[in-house]
Amino acid sequence: MFVFTDSMDANELTHTAKRVEALGYSTLWYREAFKYEPLALEGFLFSQTTKLVVASGICNIYARRHRLGDGPANAKRDLRRAFRFGGVARATR
């Protein structure tokens, strides 16, 4: 399922990810967001679900340098209560 995450806060992201998983979808796709740094967002969504695959489809390496300004700050500010950075990983087949 494809979801636009830019306008969602941590509670809305959690609710959406859990709902997508409960509906039986295997993957939550999102675009490389403007509000959150994509890899931080994926880690957060992994921490809120048990088996959902989360994918941006692309993490443009050229965008990292220019967009790192707000993305990590937004992720830290908005997602920190529900997610502690580091140590979150999920192996998929």
C-alpha atoms as a PDB file:
ATOM      1  CA  MET A   1       0.000   0.000   0.000  1.00  0.00           C
ATOM      2  CA  PHE A   2       1.282   3.479  -0.865  1.00  0.00           C
ATOM      3  CA  VAL A   3       0.983   6.162   1.819  1.00  0.00           C
ATOM      4  CA  PHE A   4       1.816   9.880   1.809  1.00  0.00           C
ATOM      5  CA  THR A   5       3.619  10.459   5.116  1.00  0.00           C
ATOM      6  CA  ASP A   6       4.546  14.148   4.831  1.00  0.00           C
ATOM      7  CA  SER A   7       1.523  15.485   6.701  1.00  0.00           C
ATOM      8  CA  MET A   8       1.475  12.814   9.436  1.00  0.00           C
ATOM      9  CA  ASP A   9       2.734  13.160  12.985  1.00  0.00           C
ATOM     10  CA  ALA A  10       4.076  10.233  15.058  1.00  0.00           C
ATOM     11  CA  ASN A  11       0.615   9.110  16.208  1.00  0.00           C
ATOM     12  CA  GLU A  12      -0.798   9.161  12.691  1.00  0.00           C
ATOM     13  CA  LEU A  13       2.236   7.302  11.329  1.00  0.00           C
ATOM     14  CA  THR A  14       1.885   4.634  14.026  1.00  0.00           C
ATOM     15  CA  HIS A  15      -1.850   4.240  13.464  1.00  0.00           C
ATOM     16  CA  THR A  16      -1.428   4.038   9.687  1.00  0.00           C
ATOM     17  CA  ALA A  17       1.407   1.488   9.803  1.00  0.00           C
ATOM     18  CA  LYS A  18      -0.475  -0.726  12.264  1.00  0.00           C
ATOM     19  CA  ARG A  19      -3.646  -0.473  10.193  1.00  0.00           C
ATOM     20  CA  VAL A  20      -1.845  -1.356   6.960  1.00  0.00           C
ATOM     21  CA  GLU A  21      -0.305  -4.369   8.702  1.00  0.00           C
ATOM     22  CA  ALA A  22      -3.665  -5.417  10.230  1.00  0.00           C
ATOM     23  CA  LEU A  23      -5.300  -5.271   6.793  1.00  0.00           C
ATOM     24  CA  GLY A  24      -2.805  -7.883   5.615  1.00  0.00           C
ATOM     25  CA  TYR A  25      -0.663  -5.779   3.302  1.00  0.00           C
ATOM     26  CA  SER A  26       2.943  -6.954   3.210  1.00  0.00           C
ATOM     27  CA  THR A  27       4.554  -3.610   2.349  1.00  0.00           C
ATOM     28  CA  LEU A  28       3.974   0.041   3.172  1.00  0.00           C
ATOM     29  CA  TRP A  29       5.444   2.167   0.401  1.00  0.00           C
ATOM     30  CA  TYR A  30       6.034   5.889   0.811  1.00  0.00           C
ATOM     31  CA  ARG A  31       7.734   8.531  -1.281  1.00  0.00           C
ATOM     32  CA  GLU A  32      11.022   9.991  -0.190  1.00  0.00           C
ATOM     33  CA  ALA A  33       9.394  12.377   2.247  1.00  0.00           C
ATOM     34  CA  PHE A  34      10.070  16.063   2.598  1.00  0.00           C
ATOM     35  CA  LYS A  35       9.193  16.172   6.293  1.00  0.00           C
ATOM     36  CA  TYR A  36      11.215  13.199   7.562  1.00  0.00           C
ATOM     37  CA  GLU A  37      14.573  11.749   6.629  1.00  0.00           C
ATOM     38  CA  PRO A  38      13.557   8.488   4.874  1.00  0.00           C
ATOM     39  CA  LEU A  39      15.838   6.086   6.731  1.00  0.00           C
ATOM     40  CA  ALA A  40      14.831   7.494  10.124  1.00  0.00           C
ATOM     41  CA  LEU A  41      11.180   7.197   9.105  1.00  0.00           C
ATOM     42  CA  GLU A  42      11.675   3.560   8.078  1.00  0.00           C
ATOM     43  CA  GLY A  43      13.297   2.760  11.420  1.00  0.00           C
ATOM     44  CA  PHE A  44      10.408   4.386  13.243  1.00  0.00           C
ATOM     45  CA  LEU A  45       7.801   2.459  11.231  1.00  0.00           C
ATOM     46  CA  PHE A  46       9.707  -0.804  11.780  1.00  0.00           C
ATOM     47  CA  SER A  47       9.605  -0.167  15.522  1.00  0.00           C
ATOM     48  CA  GLN A  48       5.821   0.242  15.424  1.00  0.00           C
ATOM     49  CA  THR A  49       5.004  -2.982  13.545  1.00  0.00           C
ATOM     50  CA  THR A  50       5.955  -6.650  13.744  1.00  0.00           C
ATOM     51  CA  LYS A  51       6.279  -7.910  10.169  1.00  0.00           C
ATOM     52  CA  LEU A  52       5.477  -5.025   7.848  1.00  0.00           C
ATOM     53  CA  VAL A  53       8.040  -4.267   5.141  1.00  0.00           C
ATOM     54  CA  VAL A  54       8.581  -0.518   4.802  1.00  0.00           C
ATOM     55  CA  ALA A  55      10.061   0.911   1.614  1.00  0.00           C
ATOM     56  CA  SER A  56      10.592   4.305   0.067  1.00  0.00           C
ATOM     57  CA  GLY A  57      11.418   2.823  -3.314  1.00  0.00           C
ATOM     58  CA  ILE A  58      14.359   5.191  -3.598  1.00  0.00           C
ATOM     59  CA  CYS A  59      16.723   7.067  -1.346  1.00  0.00           C
ATOM     60  CA  ASN A  60      18.342   9.500  -3.720  1.00  0.00           C
ATOM     61  CA  ILE A  61      21.976   9.874  -2.656  1.00  0.00           C
ATOM     62  CA  TYR A  62      22.150  13.293  -4.286  1.00  0.00           C
ATOM     63  CA  ALA A  63      19.243  14.536  -2.158  1.00  0.00           C
ATOM     64  CA  ARG A  64      20.927  13.516   1.099  1.00  0.00           C
ATOM     65  CA  ARG A  65      23.393  16.397   1.084  1.00  0.00           C
ATOM     66  CA  HIS A  66      20.814  19.094   0.342  1.00  0.00           C
ATOM     67  CA  ARG A  67      17.924  17.805   2.404  1.00  0.00           C
ATOM     68  CA  LEU A  68      19.690  16.644   5.522  1.00  0.00           C
ATOM     69  CA  GLY A  69      19.027  20.039   7.068  1.00  0.00           C
ATOM     70  CA  ASP A  70      15.394  19.570   8.114  1.00  0.00           C
ATOM     71  CA  GLY A  71      14.762  15.828   7.791  1.00  0.00           C
ATOM     72  CA  PRO A  72      16.757  14.558  10.788  1.00  0.00           C
ATOM     73  CA  ALA A  73      15.639  17.505  12.926  1.00  0.00           C
ATOM     74  CA  ASN A  74      11.983  16.789  12.117  1.00  0.00           C
ATOM     75  CA  ALA A  75      12.447  13.086  12.833  1.00  0.00           C
ATOM     76  CA  LYS A  76      14.190  13.767  16.126  1.00  0.00           C
ATOM     77  CA  ARG A  77      11.576  16.309  17.223  1.00  0.00           C
ATOM     78  CA  ASP A  78       8.457  14.441  16.070  1.00  0.00           C
ATOM     79  CA  LEU A  79       9.351  10.775  16.458  1.00  0.00           C
ATOM     80  CA  ARG A  80      11.675  10.703  19.483  1.00  0.00           C
ATOM     81  CA  ARG A  81       9.008   9.879  22.060  1.00  0.00           C
ATOM     82  CA  ALA A  82       8.057   6.681  20.272  1.00  0.00           C
ATOM     83  CA  PHE A  83      11.396   5.662  18.818  1.00  0.00           C
ATOM     84  CA  ARG A  84      14.938   5.560  20.133  1.00  0.00           C
ATOM     85  CA  PHE A  85      17.478   5.932  17.306  1.00  0.00           C
ATOM     86  CA  GLY A  86      19.847   3.034  16.730  1.00  0.00           C
ATOM     87  CA  GLY A  87      19.503  -0.713  16.946  1.00  0.00           C
ATOM     88  CA  VAL A  88      16.327  -1.096  14.911  1.00  0.00           C
ATOM     89  CA  ALA A  89      16.565  -3.541  12.062  1.00  0.00           C
ATOM     90  CA  ARG A  90      14.378  -6.165  10.464  1.00  0.00           C
ATOM     91  CA  ALA A  91      15.585  -8.868   8.148  1.00  0.00           C
ATOM     92  CA  THR A  92      13.274  -9.730   5.276  1.00  0.00           C
ATOM     93  CA  ARG A  93      13.390 -12.415   2.653  1.00  0.00           C
END
